[in-house]
Protein backbone atom coordinates (compact mmCIF):
# COMPACT_ATOMS: atom_id res chain seq x y z
CA UNK A 1 13.46 6.83 -3.27
CA UNK A 2 11.82 4.33 -0.93
CA UNK A 3 9.93 1.17 -1.76
CA UNK A 4 6.32 1.11 -0.64
CA UNK A 5 7.06 -1.42 2.14
CA UNK A 6 9.94 0.74 3.40
CA UNK A 7 7.74 3.84 3.46
CA UNK A 8 5.12 1.85 5.39
CA UNK A 9 7.82 0.88 7.93
CA UNK A 10 8.90 4.52 8.32
CA UNK A 11 5.27 5.56 8.79
CA UNK A 12 4.81 2.89 11.49
CA UNK A 13 8.01 4.03 13.20
CA UNK A 14 6.81 7.64 13.27
CA UNK A 15 3.44 6.53 14.70
CA UNK A 16 5.23 4.51 17.41
CA UNK A 17 7.16 7.68 18.32
CA UNK A 18 3.96 9.72 18.51
CA UNK A 19 4.81 11.57 15.32
CA UNK A 20 2.84 11.91 12.09
CA UNK A 21 3.72 11.24 8.49
CA UNK A 22 2.08 13.52 5.94
CA UNK A 23 1.47 11.82 2.61
CA UNK A 24 0.54 13.41 -0.69
CA UNK A 25 0.65 12.13 -4.24
CA UNK A 26 0.65 13.40 -7.77
CA UNK A 27 2.40 13.63 -11.11
CA UNK A 28 4.61 16.67 -10.38
CA UNK A 29 5.50 16.73 -14.08
CA UNK A 30 6.84 20.28 -14.35
CA UNK A 31 7.59 21.62 -10.89
CA UNK A 32 6.28 25.15 -10.38
CA UNK A 33 5.57 27.64 -7.57
CA UNK A 34 2.16 26.13 -6.89
CA UNK A 35 3.79 22.75 -6.20
CA UNK A 36 6.49 24.27 -4.01
CA UNK A 37 4.01 26.21 -1.86
CA UNK A 38 1.71 23.19 -1.64
CA UNK A 39 4.54 20.89 -0.49
CA UNK A 40 5.74 23.48 2.03
CA UNK A 41 2.23 23.77 3.51
CA UNK A 42 1.83 19.98 3.55
CA UNK A 43 5.15 19.48 5.37
CA UNK A 44 4.14 22.00 8.04
CA UNK A 45 1.17 19.78 8.98
CA UNK A 46 3.26 16.93 10.40
CA UNK A 47 6.67 15.59 11.25
CA UNK A 48 7.75 14.21 7.85
CA UNK A 49 6.46 14.54 4.29
CA UNK A 50 6.25 11.67 1.83
CA UNK A 51 5.44 12.27 -1.82
CA UNK A 52 4.05 9.38 -3.83
CA UNK A 53 4.81 9.97 -7.50
CA UNK A 54 2.67 8.58 -10.28
CA UNK A 55 4.77 6.33 -12.51
CA UNK A 56 5.17 7.37 -16.14
CA UNK A 57 2.48 4.99 -17.48
CA UNK A 58 0.06 6.25 -14.85
CA UNK A 59 0.76 9.89 -15.81
CA UNK A 60 0.11 9.04 -19.47
CA UNK A 61 -3.21 7.40 -18.64
CA UNK A 62 -4.31 10.32 -16.47
CA UNK A 63 -2.96 13.27 -18.45
CA UNK A 64 -2.92 11.96 -22.03
CA UNK A 65 -0.37 11.28 -24.71
CA UNK A 66 2.77 13.32 -24.55
CA UNK A 67 2.81 13.22 -20.76
CA UNK A 68 4.80 13.07 -18.67
CA UNK A 69 7.04 15.76 -20.03
CA UNK A 70 9.65 14.85 -17.41
CA UNK A 71 10.44 11.14 -16.85
CA UNK A 72 10.03 9.62 -13.40
CA UNK A 73 13.73 9.56 -12.38
CA UNK A 74 14.02 13.29 -13.11
CA UNK A 75 10.75 14.15 -11.34
CA UNK A 76 11.92 12.20 -8.29
CA UNK A 77 15.33 13.88 -8.29
CA UNK A 78 13.85 17.38 -8.46
CA UNK A 79 11.38 16.66 -5.63
CA UNK A 80 14.09 15.04 -3.50
CA UNK A 81 16.10 18.28 -3.72
CA UNK A 82 13.34 20.18 -1.91
CA UNK A 83 13.97 20.66 1.81
CA UNK A 84 10.33 19.96 2.64
CA UNK A 85 10.31 16.48 1.07
CA UNK A 86 11.54 13.71 3.35
CA UNK A 87 10.56 10.59 1.40
CA UNK A 88 9.59 9.70 -2.15
CA UNK A 89 7.93 6.54 -3.39
CA UNK A 90 6.29 5.54 -6.67
CA UNK A 91 2.94 4.03 -7.56
CA UNK A 92 1.66 2.90 -10.93
CA UNK A 93 -2.06 2.77 -10.28
CA UNK A 94 -4.34 5.61 -11.43
CA UNK A 95 -4.95 6.61 -7.81
CA UNK A 96 -2.98 6.03 -4.64
CA UNK A 97 -5.71 4.37 -2.56
CA UNK A 98 -3.85 1.08 -2.19
CA UNK A 99 -0.63 2.89 -1.29
CA UNK A 100 -2.44 4.99 1.32
CA UNK A 101 -3.85 1.82 2.87
CA UNK A 102 -0.37 0.26 2.97
CA UNK A 103 1.44 3.33 4.35
CA UNK A 104 -1.22 4.49 6.85
CA UNK A 105 -0.10 8.12 7.11
CA UNK A 106 -1.22 10.35 9.94
CA UNK A 107 -2.33 13.00 7.45
CA UNK A 108 -3.25 12.67 3.79
CA UNK A 109 -3.10 15.88 1.74
CA UNK A 110 -4.44 16.93 -1.65
CA UNK A 111 -4.59 20.27 -3.44
CA UNK A 112 -7.54 22.63 -3.70
CA UNK A 113 -8.72 21.24 -7.00
CA UNK A 114 -10.28 18.59 -4.73
CA UNK A 115 -12.91 18.95 -2.00
CA UNK A 116 -12.46 18.01 1.64
CA UNK A 117 -16.12 16.98 1.84
CA UNK A 118 -16.42 13.16 1.73
CA UNK A 119 -19.88 13.53 0.15
CA UNK A 120 -18.56 15.60 -2.74
CA UNK A 121 -17.80 14.20 -6.19
CA UNK A 122 -14.50 16.14 -5.92
CA UNK A 123 -13.39 14.27 -2.76
CA UNK A 124 -10.10 12.54 -3.63
CA UNK A 125 -10.47 8.78 -4.17
CA UNK A 126 -7.57 8.24 -1.77
CA UNK A 127 -9.45 10.20 0.90
CA UNK A 128 -11.72 7.24 1.63
CA UNK A 129 -8.74 4.91 2.05
CA UNK A 130 -7.00 7.51 4.22
CA UNK A 131 -10.01 7.93 6.51
CA UNK A 132 -10.33 4.14 6.86
CA UNK A 133 -6.64 3.99 7.79
CA UNK A 134 -7.21 6.58 10.52
CA UNK A 135 -5.60 9.49 8.68
CA UNK A 136 -6.81 13.06 8.74
CA UNK A 137 -7.67 14.23 5.20
CA UNK A 138 -6.62 17.81 4.44
CA UNK A 139 -7.25 19.76 1.24
CA UNK A 140 -4.89 22.70 0.84
CA UNK A 141 -5.81 25.84 -1.12
CA UNK A 142 -5.14 25.84 -4.85
CA UNK A 143 -2.84 28.60 -6.08
CA UNK A 144 -4.73 30.17 -9.00
CA UNK A 145 -2.94 30.34 -12.32
CA UNK A 146 -0.29 27.83 -11.33
CA UNK A 147 -0.63 24.45 -13.00
CA UNK A 148 1.43 22.16 -15.17
CA UNK A 149 -1.34 22.16 -17.77
CA UNK A 150 -1.25 25.96 -18.03
CA UNK A 151 2.57 25.92 -18.25
CA UNK A 152 2.46 23.42 -21.11
CA UNK A 153 -0.17 25.54 -22.87
CA UNK A 154 2.01 28.64 -22.54
CA UNK A 155 5.02 26.76 -23.91
CA UNK A 156 3.01 25.50 -26.89
CA UNK A 157 1.38 28.81 -27.77
CA UNK A 158 4.11 31.20 -26.70
CA UNK A 159 1.46 33.27 -24.90
CA UNK A 160 1.90 34.45 -21.33
């Protein structure tokens, strides 16, 4: 796991080499096929993939009590084991706008539950910071039926 300043240094180094860092962020509470496909597609867009993980308090604020299911060290360890993930950092804010500004990735990626249209209410809040930092904002397709929320619901109800 990298500190935010260290990730910013790696991003600057990649830029100096003419390469691009892809940055995404999220809770990644219970890793599932939708996450894996999303991270694979994100990594293919650039030369290195950084995942910014919401800290536990941030996940609780965003997702409600009882979340995260998986504590931060475990979420980071699971993500770090994926071949497509090059760097992991943590942020505790409710969105990653400040981190995006600090890191200045070449590409900022979010999933299809967001819109790529800056005029849309579904445009990710970090998208504005990314565009200001000179990053391309990419929204990847959402894999229907694959979400942590639906997994938790299935576990609670026992229904498939």
